[in-house]
Amino acid sequence: MVEWTDFERATIQDIFANMDYEDVGPATLSRCLVVYPWTQRYFGNFGNLYNAAAIAGNPLVAKHGKTILHGLDRAVKNMDNIKETYSELSVLHSEKLHVDPDNFKLLSDCLTIVVAAKMGNAFTGDVQAAFQKFLSVVVSSLGRQYH
């Protein structure tokens, strides 16, 4: 079980409470698909992913980016039991979708970059540490079925 400080809890809750999911979700998934093009193989039914402009303008990418962020809400609401919260998603991604678990880390890195850009100077080292700790627990939980 992960131990969370009051600062970490408050920081994570504040970031997600103030996040524009309609903007951050699509931007995060788009960045991941552009920067790490091999991740596109999991989205073969999304149509045109041939270049950055096509990815950014793809409504299925935008929709799934929002879905991912709303999935993180579950972790925010269950910070003391994230592994159990994501047990079904871990099974789905490993056994049905066959997603390489390294991709969860790549996506979390892209989310960190997008959030940092949105928060600007408010994204201090302490805030980043709390955010990345949270995302590390999520990534570990999603990858749990693979181990």
N, C-alpha and C. Protein backbone atom coordinates (compact mmCIF):
# COMPACT_ATOMS: atom_id res chain seq x y z
N MET A 1 0.84 -1.18 0.00
CA MET A 1 0.00 0.00 0.00
C MET A 1 0.88 1.24 0.00
N VAL A 2 0.47 2.21 -0.77
CA VAL A 2 1.22 3.45 -0.90
C VAL A 2 0.82 4.40 0.22
N GLU A 3 1.82 5.05 0.78
CA GLU A 3 1.56 6.08 1.78
C GLU A 3 1.54 7.44 1.08
N TRP A 4 0.49 8.20 1.31
CA TRP A 4 0.33 9.52 0.72
C TRP A 4 0.40 10.57 1.81
N THR A 5 1.16 11.60 1.56
CA THR A 5 1.18 12.73 2.49
C THR A 5 -0.06 13.58 2.22
N ASP A 6 -0.39 14.45 3.16
CA ASP A 6 -1.51 15.36 2.95
C ASP A 6 -1.27 16.24 1.73
N PHE A 7 -0.03 16.69 1.56
CA PHE A 7 0.32 17.52 0.41
C PHE A 7 0.08 16.76 -0.89
N GLU A 8 0.52 15.51 -0.95
CA GLU A 8 0.36 14.71 -2.17
C GLU A 8 -1.12 14.52 -2.50
N ARG A 9 -1.90 14.15 -1.50
CA ARG A 9 -3.34 13.96 -1.73
C ARG A 9 -3.99 15.24 -2.24
N ALA A 10 -3.71 16.33 -1.55
CA ALA A 10 -4.31 17.61 -1.93
C ALA A 10 -3.86 18.03 -3.33
N THR A 11 -2.61 17.81 -3.64
CA THR A 11 -2.07 18.18 -4.95
C THR A 11 -2.74 17.39 -6.06
N ILE A 12 -2.83 16.10 -5.90
CA ILE A 12 -3.45 15.24 -6.93
C ILE A 12 -4.91 15.63 -7.11
N GLN A 13 -5.62 15.79 -6.01
CA GLN A 13 -7.03 16.16 -6.10
C GLN A 13 -7.21 17.53 -6.75
N ASP A 14 -6.32 18.46 -6.44
CA ASP A 14 -6.39 19.80 -7.02
C ASP A 14 -6.11 19.78 -8.53
N ILE A 15 -5.10 19.03 -8.93
CA ILE A 15 -4.77 18.94 -10.35
C ILE A 15 -5.97 18.42 -11.14
N PHE A 16 -6.57 17.35 -10.66
CA PHE A 16 -7.69 16.76 -11.41
C PHE A 16 -8.96 17.60 -11.30
N ALA A 17 -9.15 18.27 -10.19
CA ALA A 17 -10.33 19.14 -10.05
C ALA A 17 -10.28 20.32 -11.00
N ASN A 18 -9.08 20.77 -11.34
CA ASN A 18 -8.92 21.94 -12.20
C ASN A 18 -8.56 21.60 -13.64
N MET A 19 -8.50 20.32 -13.95
CA MET A 19 -8.08 19.88 -15.27
C MET A 19 -9.22 20.02 -16.28
N ASP A 20 -8.91 20.52 -17.45
CA ASP A 20 -9.85 20.58 -18.56
C ASP A 20 -9.72 19.28 -19.36
N TYR A 21 -10.56 18.31 -19.03
CA TYR A 21 -10.46 16.99 -19.64
C TYR A 21 -10.64 17.04 -21.15
N GLU A 22 -11.47 17.98 -21.62
CA GLU A 22 -11.73 18.11 -23.05
C GLU A 22 -10.49 18.53 -23.83
N ASP A 23 -9.56 19.17 -23.15
CA ASP A 23 -8.33 19.65 -23.77
C ASP A 23 -7.15 18.71 -23.45
N VAL A 24 -6.98 18.39 -22.18
CA VAL A 24 -5.81 17.63 -21.73
C VAL A 24 -5.84 16.18 -22.23
N GLY A 25 -7.00 15.54 -22.21
CA GLY A 25 -7.08 14.15 -22.65
C GLY A 25 -6.66 13.97 -24.10
N PRO A 26 -7.30 14.69 -25.03
CA PRO A 26 -6.89 14.57 -26.43
C PRO A 26 -5.44 14.98 -26.67
N ALA A 27 -4.98 16.04 -26.00
CA ALA A 27 -3.60 16.49 -26.18
C ALA A 27 -2.61 15.42 -25.71
N THR A 28 -2.94 14.74 -24.63
CA THR A 28 -2.05 13.72 -24.08
C THR A 28 -1.95 12.52 -25.01
N LEU A 29 -3.09 11.99 -25.43
CA LEU A 29 -3.05 10.82 -26.30
C LEU A 29 -2.44 11.18 -27.66
N SER A 30 -2.77 12.34 -28.18
CA SER A 30 -2.18 12.78 -29.45
C SER A 30 -0.66 12.85 -29.35
N ARG A 31 -0.16 13.44 -28.27
CA ARG A 31 1.29 13.55 -28.07
C ARG A 31 1.91 12.16 -28.04
N CYS A 32 1.29 11.25 -27.34
CA CYS A 32 1.83 9.90 -27.23
C CYS A 32 1.90 9.22 -28.60
N LEU A 33 0.84 9.36 -29.39
CA LEU A 33 0.81 8.72 -30.70
C LEU A 33 1.79 9.34 -31.69
N VAL A 34 2.09 10.63 -31.51
CA VAL A 34 3.05 11.30 -32.39
C VAL A 34 4.48 11.00 -31.96
N VAL A 35 4.75 11.14 -30.67
CA VAL A 35 6.12 10.97 -30.16
C VAL A 35 6.54 9.50 -30.19
N TYR A 36 5.61 8.61 -29.93
CA TYR A 36 5.89 7.17 -29.90
C TYR A 36 4.98 6.49 -30.93
N PRO A 37 5.30 6.61 -32.21
CA PRO A 37 4.39 6.14 -33.26
C PRO A 37 4.06 4.65 -33.19
N TRP A 38 4.91 3.86 -32.58
CA TRP A 38 4.62 2.42 -32.48
C TRP A 38 3.40 2.16 -31.61
N THR A 39 3.01 3.14 -30.77
CA THR A 39 1.81 2.96 -29.96
C THR A 39 0.54 3.01 -30.81
N GLN A 40 0.64 3.49 -32.03
CA GLN A 40 -0.52 3.58 -32.92
C GLN A 40 -1.09 2.21 -33.26
N ARG A 41 -0.30 1.17 -33.12
CA ARG A 41 -0.76 -0.16 -33.52
C ARG A 41 -1.98 -0.62 -32.74
N TYR A 42 -2.19 -0.04 -31.55
CA TYR A 42 -3.35 -0.40 -30.74
C TYR A 42 -4.61 0.34 -31.16
N PHE A 43 -4.48 1.24 -32.11
CA PHE A 43 -5.59 2.09 -32.51
C PHE A 43 -5.86 1.97 -34.01
N GLY A 44 -5.70 0.78 -34.54
CA GLY A 44 -5.87 0.55 -35.96
C GLY A 44 -7.25 0.89 -36.48
N ASN A 45 -8.24 0.85 -35.63
CA ASN A 45 -9.61 1.16 -36.06
C ASN A 45 -9.94 2.66 -35.93
N PHE A 46 -8.93 3.48 -35.62
CA PHE A 46 -9.16 4.91 -35.45
C PHE A 46 -9.03 5.69 -36.76
N GLY A 47 -8.71 5.02 -37.84
CA GLY A 47 -8.61 5.71 -39.13
C GLY A 47 -7.28 6.39 -39.31
N ASN A 48 -7.31 7.59 -39.88
CA ASN A 48 -6.12 8.32 -40.28
C ASN A 48 -5.27 8.76 -39.09
N LEU A 49 -4.12 8.13 -38.96
CA LEU A 49 -3.12 8.50 -37.95
C LEU A 49 -1.77 8.71 -38.64
N TYR A 50 -1.79 9.22 -39.86
CA TYR A 50 -0.60 9.29 -40.69
C TYR A 50 0.38 10.39 -40.33
N ASN A 51 -0.09 11.43 -39.65
CA ASN A 51 0.81 12.51 -39.27
C ASN A 51 0.23 13.24 -38.05
N ALA A 52 0.99 14.17 -37.53
CA ALA A 52 0.59 14.86 -36.30
C ALA A 52 -0.73 15.60 -36.46
N ALA A 53 -0.94 16.24 -37.60
CA ALA A 53 -2.19 16.98 -37.82
C ALA A 53 -3.38 16.03 -37.87
N ALA A 54 -3.22 14.90 -38.53
CA ALA A 54 -4.30 13.92 -38.62
C ALA A 54 -4.63 13.36 -37.24
N ILE A 55 -3.61 13.09 -36.46
CA ILE A 55 -3.82 12.56 -35.11
C ILE A 55 -4.54 13.59 -34.25
N ALA A 56 -4.06 14.83 -34.28
CA ALA A 56 -4.65 15.90 -33.45
C ALA A 56 -6.10 16.17 -33.83
N GLY A 57 -6.44 15.98 -35.10
CA GLY A 57 -7.80 16.24 -35.55
C GLY A 57 -8.70 15.02 -35.56
N ASN A 58 -8.21 13.90 -35.11
CA ASN A 58 -8.98 12.66 -35.14
C ASN A 58 -9.96 12.61 -33.97
N PRO A 59 -11.26 12.56 -34.23
CA PRO A 59 -12.24 12.57 -33.14
C PRO A 59 -12.18 11.32 -32.25
N LEU A 60 -11.73 10.20 -32.79
CA LEU A 60 -11.62 8.99 -31.97
C LEU A 60 -10.44 9.09 -31.00
N VAL A 61 -9.37 9.73 -31.43
CA VAL A 61 -8.24 9.98 -30.53
C VAL A 61 -8.69 10.90 -29.40
N ALA A 62 -9.41 11.96 -29.76
CA ALA A 62 -9.90 12.91 -28.75
C ALA A 62 -10.82 12.21 -27.75
N LYS A 63 -11.74 11.41 -28.25
CA LYS A 63 -12.68 10.70 -27.37
C LYS A 63 -11.95 9.75 -26.43
N HIS A 64 -11.00 9.00 -26.97
CA HIS A 64 -10.29 8.04 -26.11
C HIS A 64 -9.37 8.75 -25.12
N GLY A 65 -8.81 9.88 -25.51
CA GLY A 65 -8.01 10.67 -24.57
C GLY A 65 -8.83 11.11 -23.37
N LYS A 66 -10.07 11.53 -23.62
CA LYS A 66 -10.96 11.92 -22.53
C LYS A 66 -11.32 10.71 -21.67
N THR A 67 -11.53 9.57 -22.32
CA THR A 67 -11.85 8.33 -21.59
C THR A 67 -10.72 7.96 -20.65
N ILE A 68 -9.49 8.10 -21.12
CA ILE A 68 -8.32 7.78 -20.29
C ILE A 68 -8.30 8.67 -19.05
N LEU A 69 -8.50 9.96 -19.24
CA LEU A 69 -8.48 10.87 -18.09
C LEU A 69 -9.60 10.56 -17.12
N HIS A 70 -10.78 10.27 -17.63
CA HIS A 70 -11.88 9.92 -16.72
C HIS A 70 -11.58 8.60 -16.00
N GLY A 71 -10.81 7.73 -16.64
CA GLY A 71 -10.37 6.51 -15.96
C GLY A 71 -9.44 6.82 -14.80
N LEU A 72 -8.66 7.88 -14.93
CA LEU A 72 -7.78 8.29 -13.83
C LEU A 72 -8.56 8.83 -12.64
N ASP A 73 -9.77 9.32 -12.90
CA ASP A 73 -10.64 9.76 -11.80
C ASP A 73 -10.84 8.65 -10.78
N ARG A 74 -10.95 7.45 -11.28
CA ARG A 74 -11.14 6.30 -10.37
C ARG A 74 -9.98 6.18 -9.40
N ALA A 75 -8.77 6.42 -9.88
CA ALA A 75 -7.60 6.35 -9.00
C ALA A 75 -7.59 7.50 -8.01
N VAL A 76 -7.98 8.68 -8.47
CA VAL A 76 -8.02 9.85 -7.58
C VAL A 76 -9.00 9.59 -6.44
N LYS A 77 -10.12 8.97 -6.76
CA LYS A 77 -11.15 8.70 -5.74
C LYS A 77 -10.81 7.51 -4.86
N ASN A 78 -9.84 6.71 -5.29
CA ASN A 78 -9.48 5.49 -4.54
C ASN A 78 -7.97 5.42 -4.32
N MET A 79 -7.39 6.52 -3.87
CA MET A 79 -5.93 6.59 -3.77
C MET A 79 -5.34 5.56 -2.81
N ASP A 80 -6.13 5.06 -1.90
CA ASP A 80 -5.61 4.07 -0.96
C ASP A 80 -5.74 2.64 -1.47
N ASN A 81 -6.35 2.48 -2.64
CA ASN A 81 -6.54 1.13 -3.18
C ASN A 81 -6.53 1.15 -4.71
N ILE A 82 -5.53 1.78 -5.27
CA ILE A 82 -5.46 1.93 -6.73
C ILE A 82 -5.27 0.57 -7.41
N LYS A 83 -4.47 -0.31 -6.84
CA LYS A 83 -4.23 -1.61 -7.48
C LYS A 83 -5.53 -2.39 -7.64
N GLU A 84 -6.33 -2.44 -6.62
CA GLU A 84 -7.61 -3.15 -6.71
C GLU A 84 -8.56 -2.42 -7.65
N THR A 85 -8.53 -1.10 -7.62
CA THR A 85 -9.39 -0.30 -8.49
C THR A 85 -9.14 -0.61 -9.96
N TYR A 86 -7.90 -0.88 -10.32
CA TYR A 86 -7.54 -1.13 -11.70
C TYR A 86 -7.33 -2.60 -12.04
N SER A 87 -7.73 -3.50 -11.19
CA SER A 87 -7.48 -4.92 -11.45
C SER A 87 -8.16 -5.39 -12.73
N GLU A 88 -9.41 -4.98 -12.96
CA GLU A 88 -10.11 -5.40 -14.18
C GLU A 88 -9.48 -4.76 -15.43
N LEU A 89 -9.10 -3.49 -15.33
CA LEU A 89 -8.46 -2.84 -16.47
C LEU A 89 -7.11 -3.48 -16.79
N SER A 90 -6.40 -3.92 -15.76
CA SER A 90 -5.13 -4.59 -15.98
C SER A 90 -5.34 -5.89 -16.76
N VAL A 91 -6.34 -6.65 -16.37
CA VAL A 91 -6.65 -7.90 -17.07
C VAL A 91 -7.06 -7.60 -18.51
N LEU A 92 -7.93 -6.62 -18.71
CA LEU A 92 -8.38 -6.25 -20.05
C LEU A 92 -7.21 -5.89 -20.95
N HIS A 93 -6.33 -5.02 -20.46
CA HIS A 93 -5.22 -4.56 -21.28
C HIS A 93 -4.19 -5.65 -21.55
N SER A 94 -4.02 -6.57 -20.62
CA SER A 94 -3.02 -7.62 -20.83
C SER A 94 -3.57 -8.80 -21.62
N GLU A 95 -4.75 -9.26 -21.28
CA GLU A 95 -5.26 -10.50 -21.86
C GLU A 95 -6.08 -10.31 -23.13
N LYS A 96 -6.83 -9.22 -23.22
CA LYS A 96 -7.66 -9.01 -24.39
C LYS A 96 -7.02 -8.07 -25.41
N LEU A 97 -6.52 -6.95 -24.93
CA LEU A 97 -5.97 -5.95 -25.84
C LEU A 97 -4.49 -6.15 -26.13
N HIS A 98 -3.80 -6.92 -25.28
CA HIS A 98 -2.38 -7.22 -25.45
C HIS A 98 -1.51 -5.96 -25.58
N VAL A 99 -1.80 -4.99 -24.74
CA VAL A 99 -1.05 -3.73 -24.74
C VAL A 99 0.27 -3.94 -24.02
N ASP A 100 1.34 -3.51 -24.63
CA ASP A 100 2.66 -3.56 -23.99
C ASP A 100 2.60 -2.65 -22.76
N PRO A 101 2.88 -3.16 -21.57
CA PRO A 101 2.76 -2.35 -20.36
C PRO A 101 3.68 -1.14 -20.33
N ASP A 102 4.75 -1.15 -21.12
CA ASP A 102 5.62 0.03 -21.19
C ASP A 102 4.88 1.25 -21.73
N ASN A 103 3.83 1.00 -22.49
CA ASN A 103 3.06 2.11 -23.06
C ASN A 103 2.34 2.93 -22.00
N PHE A 104 2.01 2.32 -20.88
CA PHE A 104 1.36 3.07 -19.80
C PHE A 104 2.31 4.15 -19.28
N LYS A 105 3.58 3.81 -19.18
CA LYS A 105 4.59 4.78 -18.73
C LYS A 105 4.76 5.89 -19.76
N LEU A 106 4.80 5.52 -21.03
CA LEU A 106 4.93 6.53 -22.08
C LEU A 106 3.76 7.51 -22.04
N LEU A 107 2.56 6.98 -21.87
CA LEU A 107 1.39 7.84 -21.80
C LEU A 107 1.44 8.73 -20.56
N SER A 108 1.89 8.19 -19.44
CA SER A 108 1.97 9.00 -18.22
C SER A 108 3.00 10.12 -18.37
N ASP A 109 4.08 9.84 -19.09
CA ASP A 109 5.07 10.89 -19.36
C ASP A 109 4.46 12.00 -20.21
N CYS A 110 3.68 11.62 -21.20
CA CYS A 110 3.02 12.63 -22.05
C CYS A 110 2.01 13.43 -21.24
N LEU A 111 1.29 12.77 -20.36
CA LEU A 111 0.33 13.49 -19.50
C LEU A 111 1.07 14.49 -18.61
N THR A 112 2.20 14.09 -18.07
CA THR A 112 2.98 15.00 -17.22
C THR A 112 3.39 16.24 -18.00
N ILE A 113 3.83 16.05 -19.24
CA ILE A 113 4.25 17.19 -20.06
C ILE A 113 3.08 18.12 -20.35
N VAL A 114 1.93 17.55 -20.70
CA VAL A 114 0.76 18.37 -21.01
C VAL A 114 0.29 19.12 -19.76
N VAL A 115 0.24 18.45 -18.63
CA VAL A 115 -0.18 19.10 -17.38
C VAL A 115 0.81 20.19 -17.00
N ALA A 116 2.09 19.92 -17.12
CA ALA A 116 3.11 20.92 -16.79
C ALA A 116 2.95 22.17 -17.66
N ALA A 117 2.69 21.96 -18.93
CA ALA A 117 2.51 23.10 -19.84
C ALA A 117 1.28 23.91 -19.45
N LYS A 118 0.22 23.24 -19.06
CA LYS A 118 -1.01 23.93 -18.67
C LYS A 118 -0.83 24.69 -17.35
N MET A 119 -0.12 24.09 -16.41
CA MET A 119 0.04 24.70 -15.08
C MET A 119 1.13 25.77 -15.04
N GLY A 120 2.06 25.71 -15.96
CA GLY A 120 3.13 26.71 -15.99
C GLY A 120 3.96 26.71 -14.71
N ASN A 121 4.19 27.88 -14.16
CA ASN A 121 5.04 28.02 -12.97
C ASN A 121 4.48 27.33 -11.74
N ALA A 122 3.18 27.04 -11.74
CA ALA A 122 2.57 26.35 -10.60
C ALA A 122 2.99 24.88 -10.54
N PHE A 123 3.55 24.37 -11.65
CA PHE A 123 4.00 22.98 -11.68
C PHE A 123 5.42 22.93 -11.13
N THR A 124 5.52 23.10 -9.84
CA THR A 124 6.82 23.12 -9.15
C THR A 124 7.37 21.70 -9.04
N GLY A 125 8.58 21.60 -8.57
CA GLY A 125 9.19 20.29 -8.36
C GLY A 125 8.39 19.44 -7.39
N ASP A 126 7.88 20.04 -6.32
CA ASP A 126 7.07 19.30 -5.34
C ASP A 126 5.76 18.80 -5.96
N VAL A 127 5.16 19.64 -6.78
CA VAL A 127 3.92 19.25 -7.46
C VAL A 127 4.21 18.13 -8.45
N GLN A 128 5.29 18.26 -9.20
CA GLN A 128 5.66 17.21 -10.15
C GLN A 128 5.94 15.90 -9.42
N ALA A 129 6.63 15.96 -8.32
CA ALA A 129 6.94 14.74 -7.56
C ALA A 129 5.67 14.03 -7.12
N ALA A 130 4.71 14.78 -6.63
CA ALA A 130 3.43 14.19 -6.20
C ALA A 130 2.68 13.60 -7.40
N PHE A 131 2.65 14.35 -8.49
CA PHE A 131 1.93 13.90 -9.68
C PHE A 131 2.57 12.64 -10.26
N GLN A 132 3.89 12.63 -10.34
CA GLN A 132 4.56 11.45 -10.89
C GLN A 132 4.48 10.25 -9.97
N LYS A 133 4.44 10.47 -8.68
CA LYS A 133 4.24 9.37 -7.74
C LYS A 133 2.87 8.74 -8.00
N PHE A 134 1.86 9.58 -8.13
CA PHE A 134 0.51 9.11 -8.41
C PHE A 134 0.48 8.31 -9.72
N LEU A 135 1.06 8.87 -10.77
CA LEU A 135 1.05 8.19 -12.06
C LEU A 135 1.85 6.89 -12.02
N SER A 136 2.93 6.85 -11.24
CA SER A 136 3.72 5.62 -11.10
C SER A 136 2.89 4.51 -10.46
N VAL A 137 2.08 4.87 -9.49
CA VAL A 137 1.22 3.87 -8.85
C VAL A 137 0.17 3.38 -9.84
N VAL A 138 -0.39 4.28 -10.63
CA VAL A 138 -1.37 3.90 -11.65
C VAL A 138 -0.72 2.97 -12.68
N VAL A 139 0.44 3.34 -13.18
CA VAL A 139 1.15 2.53 -14.18
C VAL A 139 1.45 1.14 -13.61
N SER A 140 1.92 1.10 -12.40
CA SER A 140 2.22 -0.18 -11.75
C SER A 140 0.96 -1.04 -11.62
N SER A 141 -0.13 -0.40 -11.26
CA SER A 141 -1.40 -1.11 -11.09
C SER A 141 -1.93 -1.66 -12.41
N LEU A 142 -1.81 -0.86 -13.46
CA LEU A 142 -2.27 -1.33 -14.77
C LEU A 142 -1.39 -2.46 -15.29
N GLY A 143 -0.13 -2.45 -14.94
CA GLY A 143 0.79 -3.49 -15.38
C GLY A 143 0.83 -4.70 -14.49
N ARG A 144 0.08 -4.69 -13.43
CA ARG A 144 0.12 -5.76 -12.43
C ARG A 144 -0.19 -7.13 -13.01
N GLN A 145 -1.14 -7.23 -13.91
CA GLN A 145 -1.54 -8.51 -14.50
C GLN A 145 -0.41 -9.14 -15.32
N TYR A 146 0.51 -8.33 -15.77
CA TYR A 146 1.58 -8.83 -16.63
C TYR A 146 2.66 -9.58 -15.86
N HIS A 147 2.70 -9.37 -14.56
CA HIS A 147 3.80 -9.93 -13.76
C HIS A 147 3.48 -11.31 -13.25
